[in-house]
Amino acid sequence: ERGYVFIARVNPRFNELIRLLPGEKK
C-alpha cells in the first residue's frame, strides 16, 4: 500500500528478499 525504498547489498539473502517483495520493482 505505501510502497518502499529498499537499501540492498549484493548477496544471496538480499536477492531472495527482493524476489519476495511486492510490486513492479525499479
PDB file of all heavy atoms in Angstrom:
ATOM      1  N   GLU A   1       0.810  -1.218   0.000  1.00  0.00           N
ATOM      2  CA  GLU A   1       0.000   0.000   0.000  1.00  0.00           C
ATOM      3  C   GLU A   1       0.844   1.269   0.000  1.00  0.00           C
ATOM      4  O   GLU A   1       0.534   2.238  -0.701  1.00  0.00           O
ATOM      5  CB  GLU A   1      -0.932  -0.010   1.214  1.00  0.00           C
ATOM      6  CG  GLU A   1      -1.976  -1.118   1.158  1.00  0.00           C
ATOM      7  CD  GLU A   1      -2.733  -1.270   2.462  1.00  0.00           C
ATOM      8  OE1 GLU A   1      -2.488  -0.442   3.385  1.00  0.00           O
ATOM      9  OE2 GLU A   1      -3.540  -2.202   2.583  1.00  0.00           O
ATOM     10  N   ARG A   2       1.898   1.283   0.803  1.00  0.00           N
ATOM     11  CA  ARG A   2       2.699   2.501   0.928  1.00  0.00           C
ATOM     12  C   ARG A   2       3.872   2.539  -0.030  1.00  0.00           C
ATOM     13  O   ARG A   2       4.435   3.609  -0.299  1.00  0.00           O
ATOM     14  CB  ARG A   2       3.207   2.649   2.374  1.00  0.00           C
ATOM     15  CG  ARG A   2       2.111   2.967   3.397  1.00  0.00           C
ATOM     16  CD  ARG A   2       2.695   3.115   4.775  1.00  0.00           C
ATOM     17  NE  ARG A   2       3.781   4.086   4.798  1.00  0.00           N
ATOM     18  CZ  ARG A   2       4.678   4.175   5.778  1.00  0.00           C
ATOM     19  NH1 ARG A   2       4.624   3.348   6.802  1.00  0.00           N
ATOM     20  NH2 ARG A   2       5.632   5.090   5.721  1.00  0.00           N
ATOM     21  N   GLY A   3       4.284   1.394  -0.520  1.00  0.00           N
ATOM     22  CA  GLY A   3       5.496   1.355  -1.320  1.00  0.00           C
ATOM     23  C   GLY A   3       6.722   1.359  -0.421  1.00  0.00           C
ATOM     24  O   GLY A   3       6.619   1.505   0.801  1.00  0.00           O
ATOM     25  N   TYR A   4       7.904   1.211  -0.996  1.00  0.00           N
ATOM     26  CA  TYR A   4       9.113   1.096  -0.194  1.00  0.00           C
ATOM     27  C   TYR A   4      10.339   1.536  -0.984  1.00  0.00           C
ATOM     28  O   TYR A   4      10.350   1.559  -2.216  1.00  0.00           O
ATOM     29  CB  TYR A   4       9.308  -0.346   0.291  1.00  0.00           C
ATOM     30  CG  TYR A   4       9.286  -1.373  -0.825  1.00  0.00           C
ATOM     31  CD1 TYR A   4      10.412  -1.623  -1.616  1.00  0.00           C
ATOM     32  CD2 TYR A   4       8.111  -2.070  -1.125  1.00  0.00           C
ATOM     33  CE1 TYR A   4      10.385  -2.536  -2.640  1.00  0.00           C
ATOM     34  CE2 TYR A   4       8.069  -2.983  -2.169  1.00  0.00           C
ATOM     35  CZ  TYR A   4       9.203  -3.218  -2.913  1.00  0.00           C
ATOM     36  OH  TYR A   4       9.169  -4.123  -3.955  1.00  0.00           O
ATOM     37  N   VAL A   5      11.364   1.892  -0.228  1.00  0.00           N
ATOM     38  CA  VAL A   5      12.704   2.115  -0.754  1.00  0.00           C
ATOM     39  C   VAL A   5      13.604   1.167   0.013  1.00  0.00           C
ATOM     40  O   VAL A   5      13.810   1.331   1.219  1.00  0.00           O
ATOM     41  CB  VAL A   5      13.162   3.576  -0.573  1.00  0.00           C
ATOM     42  CG1 VAL A   5      14.626   3.722  -0.995  1.00  0.00           C
ATOM     43  CG2 VAL A   5      12.280   4.529  -1.367  1.00  0.00           C
ATOM     44  N   PHE A   6      14.107   0.140  -0.656  1.00  0.00           N
ATOM     45  CA  PHE A   6      14.908  -0.893  -0.005  1.00  0.00           C
ATOM     46  C   PHE A   6      16.377  -0.682  -0.331  1.00  0.00           C
ATOM     47  O   PHE A   6      16.777  -0.674  -1.497  1.00  0.00           O
ATOM     48  CB  PHE A   6      14.448  -2.283  -0.465  1.00  0.00           C
ATOM     49  CG  PHE A   6      15.248  -3.415   0.123  1.00  0.00           C
ATOM     50  CD1 PHE A   6      15.617  -3.429   1.462  1.00  0.00           C
ATOM     51  CD2 PHE A   6      15.635  -4.485  -0.675  1.00  0.00           C
ATOM     52  CE1 PHE A   6      16.357  -4.476   1.994  1.00  0.00           C
ATOM     53  CE2 PHE A   6      16.367  -5.541  -0.155  1.00  0.00           C
ATOM     54  CZ  PHE A   6      16.731  -5.537   1.190  1.00  0.00           C
ATOM     55  N   ILE A   7      17.206  -0.499   0.699  1.00  0.00           N
ATOM     56  CA  ILE A   7      18.650  -0.334   0.522  1.00  0.00           C
ATOM     57  C   ILE A   7      19.275  -1.716   0.485  1.00  0.00           C
ATOM     58  O   ILE A   7      19.367  -2.404   1.522  1.00  0.00           O
ATOM     59  CB  ILE A   7      19.259   0.522   1.647  1.00  0.00           C
ATOM     60  CG1 ILE A   7      18.517   1.859   1.763  1.00  0.00           C
ATOM     61  CG2 ILE A   7      20.748   0.751   1.382  1.00  0.00           C
ATOM     62  CD1 ILE A   7      18.526   2.701   0.508  1.00  0.00           C
ATOM     63  N   ALA A   8      19.693  -2.138  -0.679  1.00  0.00           N
ATOM     64  CA  ALA A   8      20.133  -3.517  -0.895  1.00  0.00           C
ATOM     65  C   ALA A   8      21.653  -3.632  -0.953  1.00  0.00           C
ATOM     66  O   ALA A   8      22.361  -2.653  -1.197  1.00  0.00           O
ATOM     67  CB  ALA A   8      19.525  -4.055  -2.182  1.00  0.00           C
ATOM     68  N   ARG A   9      22.111  -4.834  -0.722  1.00  0.00           N
ATOM     69  CA  ARG A   9      23.514  -5.174  -0.932  1.00  0.00           C
ATOM     70  C   ARG A   9      23.571  -6.414  -1.822  1.00  0.00           C
ATOM     71  O   ARG A   9      22.582  -7.113  -2.006  1.00  0.00           O
ATOM     72  CB  ARG A   9      24.221  -5.445   0.409  1.00  0.00           C
ATOM     73  CG  ARG A   9      24.365  -4.224   1.272  1.00  0.00           C
ATOM     74  CD  ARG A   9      25.462  -4.422   2.324  1.00  0.00           C
ATOM     75  NE  ARG A   9      25.179  -5.462   3.286  1.00  0.00           N
ATOM     76  CZ  ARG A   9      24.433  -5.312   4.376  1.00  0.00           C
ATOM     77  NH1 ARG A   9      23.868  -4.153   4.627  1.00  0.00           N
ATOM     78  NH2 ARG A   9      24.232  -6.319   5.203  1.00  0.00           N
ATOM     79  N   VAL A  10      24.753  -6.678  -2.332  1.00  0.00           N
ATOM     80  CA  VAL A  10      24.909  -7.804  -3.254  1.00  0.00           C
ATOM     81  C   VAL A  10      25.261  -9.051  -2.462  1.00  0.00           C
ATOM     82  O   VAL A  10      26.418  -9.281  -2.108  1.00  0.00           O
ATOM     83  CB  VAL A  10      26.007  -7.512  -4.300  1.00  0.00           C
ATOM     84  CG1 VAL A  10      26.169  -8.693  -5.251  1.00  0.00           C
ATOM     85  CG2 VAL A  10      25.677  -6.251  -5.078  1.00  0.00           C
ATOM     86  N   ASN A  11      24.248  -9.828  -2.115  1.00  0.00           N
ATOM     87  CA  ASN A  11      24.461 -11.160  -1.543  1.00  0.00           C
ATOM     88  C   ASN A  11      23.156 -11.951  -1.653  1.00  0.00           C
ATOM     89  O   ASN A  11      22.084 -11.373  -1.870  1.00  0.00           O
ATOM     90  CB  ASN A  11      25.011 -11.108  -0.106  1.00  0.00           C
ATOM     91  CG  ASN A  11      24.034 -10.546   0.891  1.00  0.00           C
ATOM     92  OD1 ASN A  11      22.867 -10.900   0.905  1.00  0.00           O
ATOM     93  ND2 ASN A  11      24.527  -9.666   1.749  1.00  0.00           N
ATOM     94  N   PRO A  12      23.197 -13.273  -1.521  1.00  0.00           N
ATOM     95  CA  PRO A  12      22.019 -14.107  -1.779  1.00  0.00           C
ATOM     96  C   PRO A  12      20.805 -13.771  -0.935  1.00  0.00           C
ATOM     97  O   PRO A  12      19.672 -13.829  -1.432  1.00  0.00           O
ATOM     98  CB  PRO A  12      22.530 -15.526  -1.477  1.00  0.00           C
ATOM     99  CG  PRO A  12      23.999 -15.455  -1.750  1.00  0.00           C
ATOM    100  CD  PRO A  12      24.412 -14.091  -1.310  1.00  0.00           C
ATOM    101  N   ARG A  13      20.986 -13.427   0.344  1.00  0.00           N
ATOM    102  CA  ARG A  13      19.798 -13.187   1.170  1.00  0.00           C
ATOM    103  C   ARG A  13      19.079 -11.903   0.750  1.00  0.00           C
ATOM    104  O   ARG A  13      17.861 -11.821   0.843  1.00  0.00           O
ATOM    105  CB  ARG A  13      20.142 -13.173   2.659  1.00  0.00           C
ATOM    106  CG  ARG A  13      20.964 -11.996   3.145  1.00  0.00           C
ATOM    107  CD  ARG A  13      21.136 -12.080   4.642  1.00  0.00           C
ATOM    108  NE  ARG A  13      21.736 -10.882   5.198  1.00  0.00           N
ATOM    109  CZ  ARG A  13      21.443 -10.409   6.401  1.00  0.00           C
ATOM    110  NH1 ARG A  13      20.571 -11.030   7.157  1.00  0.00           N
ATOM    111  NH2 ARG A  13      22.036  -9.315   6.842  1.00  0.00           N
ATOM    112  N   PHE A  14      19.828 -10.902   0.284  1.00  0.00           N
ATOM    113  CA  PHE A  14      19.193  -9.703  -0.245  1.00  0.00           C
ATOM    114  C   PHE A  14      18.466 -10.034  -1.548  1.00  0.00           C
ATOM    115  O   PHE A  14      17.355  -9.548  -1.789  1.00  0.00           O
ATOM    116  CB  PHE A  14      20.216  -8.597  -0.475  1.00  0.00           C
ATOM    117  CG  PHE A  14      20.540  -7.806   0.760  1.00  0.00           C
ATOM    118  CD1 PHE A  14      21.459  -8.279   1.685  1.00  0.00           C
ATOM    119  CD2 PHE A  14      19.918  -6.598   1.014  1.00  0.00           C
ATOM    120  CE1 PHE A  14      21.757  -7.555   2.827  1.00  0.00           C
ATOM    121  CE2 PHE A  14      20.216  -5.862   2.156  1.00  0.00           C
ATOM    122  CZ  PHE A  14      21.139  -6.342   3.060  1.00  0.00           C
ATOM    123  N   ASN A  15      19.077 -10.855  -2.381  1.00  0.00           N
ATOM    124  CA  ASN A  15      18.446 -11.244  -3.637  1.00  0.00           C
ATOM    125  C   ASN A  15      17.138 -11.982  -3.394  1.00  0.00           C
ATOM    126  O   ASN A  15      16.142 -11.761  -4.101  1.00  0.00           O
ATOM    127  CB  ASN A  15      19.394 -12.120  -4.463  1.00  0.00           C
ATOM    128  CG  ASN A  15      20.647 -11.379  -4.891  1.00  0.00           C
ATOM    129  OD1 ASN A  15      20.687 -10.147  -4.902  1.00  0.00           O
ATOM    130  ND2 ASN A  15      21.683 -12.121  -5.241  1.00  0.00           N
ATOM    131  N   GLU A  16      17.118 -12.841  -2.380  1.00  0.00           N
ATOM    132  CA  GLU A  16      15.907 -13.596  -2.064  1.00  0.00           C
ATOM    133  C   GLU A  16      14.808 -12.680  -1.551  1.00  0.00           C
ATOM    134  O   GLU A  16      13.636 -12.828  -1.922  1.00  0.00           O
ATOM    135  CB  GLU A  16      16.222 -14.685  -1.032  1.00  0.00           C
ATOM    136  CG  GLU A  16      15.022 -15.500  -0.564  1.00  0.00           C
ATOM    137  CD  GLU A  16      14.318 -16.250  -1.684  1.00  0.00           C
ATOM    138  OE1 GLU A  16      14.925 -16.456  -2.758  1.00  0.00           O
ATOM    139  OE2 GLU A  16      13.147 -16.644  -1.484  1.00  0.00           O
ATOM    140  N   LEU A  17      15.167 -11.725  -0.693  1.00  0.00           N
ATOM    141  CA  LEU A  17      14.162 -10.794  -0.185  1.00  0.00           C
ATOM    142  C   LEU A  17      13.586  -9.942  -1.315  1.00  0.00           C
ATOM    143  O   LEU A  17      12.371  -9.711  -1.373  1.00  0.00           O
ATOM    144  CB  LEU A  17      14.766  -9.892   0.894  1.00  0.00           C
ATOM    145  CG  LEU A  17      13.812  -8.832   1.459  1.00  0.00           C
ATOM    146  CD1 LEU A  17      12.572  -9.482   2.072  1.00  0.00           C
ATOM    147  CD2 LEU A  17      14.513  -7.955   2.481  1.00  0.00           C
ATOM    148  N   ILE A  18      14.447  -9.474  -2.209  1.00  0.00           N
ATOM    149  CA  ILE A  18      13.960  -8.683  -3.338  1.00  0.00           C
ATOM    150  C   ILE A  18      12.948  -9.482  -4.152  1.00  0.00           C
ATOM    151  O   ILE A  18      11.922  -8.952  -4.606  1.00  0.00           O
ATOM    152  CB  ILE A  18      15.143  -8.226  -4.213  1.00  0.00           C
ATOM    153  CG1 ILE A  18      15.990  -7.200  -3.460  1.00  0.00           C
ATOM    154  CG2 ILE A  18      14.648  -7.643  -5.536  1.00  0.00           C
ATOM    155  CD1 ILE A  18      17.292  -6.857  -4.134  1.00  0.00           C
ATOM    156  N   ARG A  19      13.210 -10.772  -4.304  1.00  0.00           N
ATOM    157  CA  ARG A  19      12.279 -11.631  -5.051  1.00  0.00           C
ATOM    158  C   ARG A  19      10.913 -11.677  -4.366  1.00  0.00           C
ATOM    159  O   ARG A  19       9.872 -11.726  -5.040  1.00  0.00           O
ATOM    160  CB  ARG A  19      12.867 -13.041  -5.170  1.00  0.00           C
ATOM    161  CG  ARG A  19      12.079 -13.970  -6.066  1.00  0.00           C
ATOM    162  CD  ARG A  19      12.657 -15.379  -6.047  1.00  0.00           C
ATOM    163  NE  ARG A  19      12.486 -16.017  -4.760  1.00  0.00           N
ATOM    164  CZ  ARG A  19      11.349 -16.596  -4.347  1.00  0.00           C
ATOM    165  NH1 ARG A  19      10.287 -16.613  -5.151  1.00  0.00           N
ATOM    166  NH2 ARG A  19      11.277 -17.183  -3.170  1.00  0.00           N
ATOM    167  N   LEU A  20      10.906 -11.632  -3.020  1.00  0.00           N
ATOM    168  CA  LEU A  20       9.663 -11.752  -2.268  1.00  0.00           C
ATOM    169  C   LEU A  20       8.907 -10.431  -2.127  1.00  0.00           C
ATOM    170  O   LEU A  20       7.703 -10.430  -1.874  1.00  0.00           O
ATOM    171  CB  LEU A  20       9.953 -12.305  -0.862  1.00  0.00           C
ATOM    172  CG  LEU A  20      10.481 -13.743  -0.791  1.00  0.00           C
ATOM    173  CD1 LEU A  20      10.854 -14.079   0.644  1.00  0.00           C
ATOM    174  CD2 LEU A  20       9.450 -14.730  -1.340  1.00  0.00           C
ATOM    175  N   LEU A  21       9.614  -9.310  -2.257  1.00  0.00           N
ATOM    176  CA  LEU A  21       8.966  -8.013  -2.072  1.00  0.00           C
ATOM    177  C   LEU A  21       7.924  -7.773  -3.158  1.00  0.00           C
ATOM    178  O   LEU A  21       8.114  -8.173  -4.308  1.00  0.00           O
ATOM    179  CB  LEU A  21      10.004  -6.892  -2.093  1.00  0.00           C
ATOM    180  CG  LEU A  21      10.944  -6.822  -0.881  1.00  0.00           C
ATOM    181  CD1 LEU A  21      11.987  -5.736  -1.090  1.00  0.00           C
ATOM    182  CD2 LEU A  21      10.164  -6.567   0.414  1.00  0.00           C
ATOM    183  N   PRO A  22       6.822  -7.092  -2.794  1.00  0.00           N
ATOM    184  CA  PRO A  22       5.727  -6.907  -3.753  1.00  0.00           C
ATOM    185  C   PRO A  22       6.027  -5.814  -4.778  1.00  0.00           C
ATOM    186  O   PRO A  22       6.938  -5.001  -4.617  1.00  0.00           O
ATOM    187  CB  PRO A  22       4.550  -6.494  -2.857  1.00  0.00           C
ATOM    188  CG  PRO A  22       5.201  -5.782  -1.711  1.00  0.00           C
ATOM    189  CD  PRO A  22       6.491  -6.534  -1.468  1.00  0.00           C
ATOM    190  N   GLY A  23       5.211  -5.792  -5.820  1.00  0.00           N
ATOM    191  CA  GLY A  23       5.231  -4.698  -6.774  1.00  0.00           C
ATOM    192  C   GLY A  23       6.211  -4.873  -7.922  1.00  0.00           C
ATOM    193  O   GLY A  23       7.064  -5.767  -7.914  1.00  0.00           O
ATOM    194  N   GLU A  24       6.055  -3.992  -8.910  1.00  0.00           N
ATOM    195  CA  GLU A  24       6.967  -3.957 -10.045  1.00  0.00           C
ATOM    196  C   GLU A  24       8.165  -3.103  -9.667  1.00  0.00           C
ATOM    197  O   GLU A  24       8.085  -1.882  -9.594  1.00  0.00           O
ATOM    198  CB  GLU A  24       6.262  -3.358 -11.264  1.00  0.00           C
ATOM    199  CG  GLU A  24       7.119  -3.369 -12.517  1.00  0.00           C
ATOM    200  CD  GLU A  24       6.385  -2.815 -13.724  1.00  0.00           C
ATOM    201  OE1 GLU A  24       5.149  -2.678 -13.657  1.00  0.00           O
ATOM    202  OE2 GLU A  24       7.065  -2.504 -14.727  1.00  0.00           O
ATOM    203  N   LYS A  25       9.283  -3.748  -9.405  1.00  0.00           N
ATOM    204  CA  LYS A  25      10.433  -3.082  -8.789  1.00  0.00           C
ATOM    205  C   LYS A  25      11.259  -2.306  -9.812  1.00  0.00           C
ATOM    206  O   LYS A  25      11.504  -2.773 -10.921  1.00  0.00           O
ATOM    207  CB  LYS A  25      11.305  -4.121  -8.081  1.00  0.00           C
ATOM    208  CG  LYS A  25      10.528  -5.018  -7.117  1.00  0.00           C
ATOM    209  CD  LYS A  25      11.362  -6.190  -6.644  1.00  0.00           C
ATOM    210  CE  LYS A  25      10.512  -7.163  -5.851  1.00  0.00           C
ATOM    211  NZ  LYS A  25       9.582  -7.945  -6.713  1.00  0.00           N
ATOM    212  N   LYS A  26      11.714  -1.130  -9.366  1.00  0.00           N
ATOM    213  CA  LYS A  26      12.656  -0.329 -10.125  1.00  0.00           C
ATOM    214  C   LYS A  26      13.997  -0.365  -9.397  1.00  0.00           C
ATOM    215  O   LYS A  26      14.053  -0.178  -8.179  1.00  0.00           O
ATOM    216  CB  LYS A  26      12.176   1.115 -10.255  1.00  0.00           C
ATOM    217  CG  LYS A  26      10.844   1.278 -10.976  1.00  0.00           C
ATOM    218  CD  LYS A  26      10.975   0.968 -12.467  1.00  0.00           C
ATOM    219  CE  LYS A  26       9.659   1.275 -13.180  1.00  0.00           C
ATOM    220  NZ  LYS A  26       9.747   0.989 -14.629  1.00  0.00           N
TER     221      LYS A  26
END
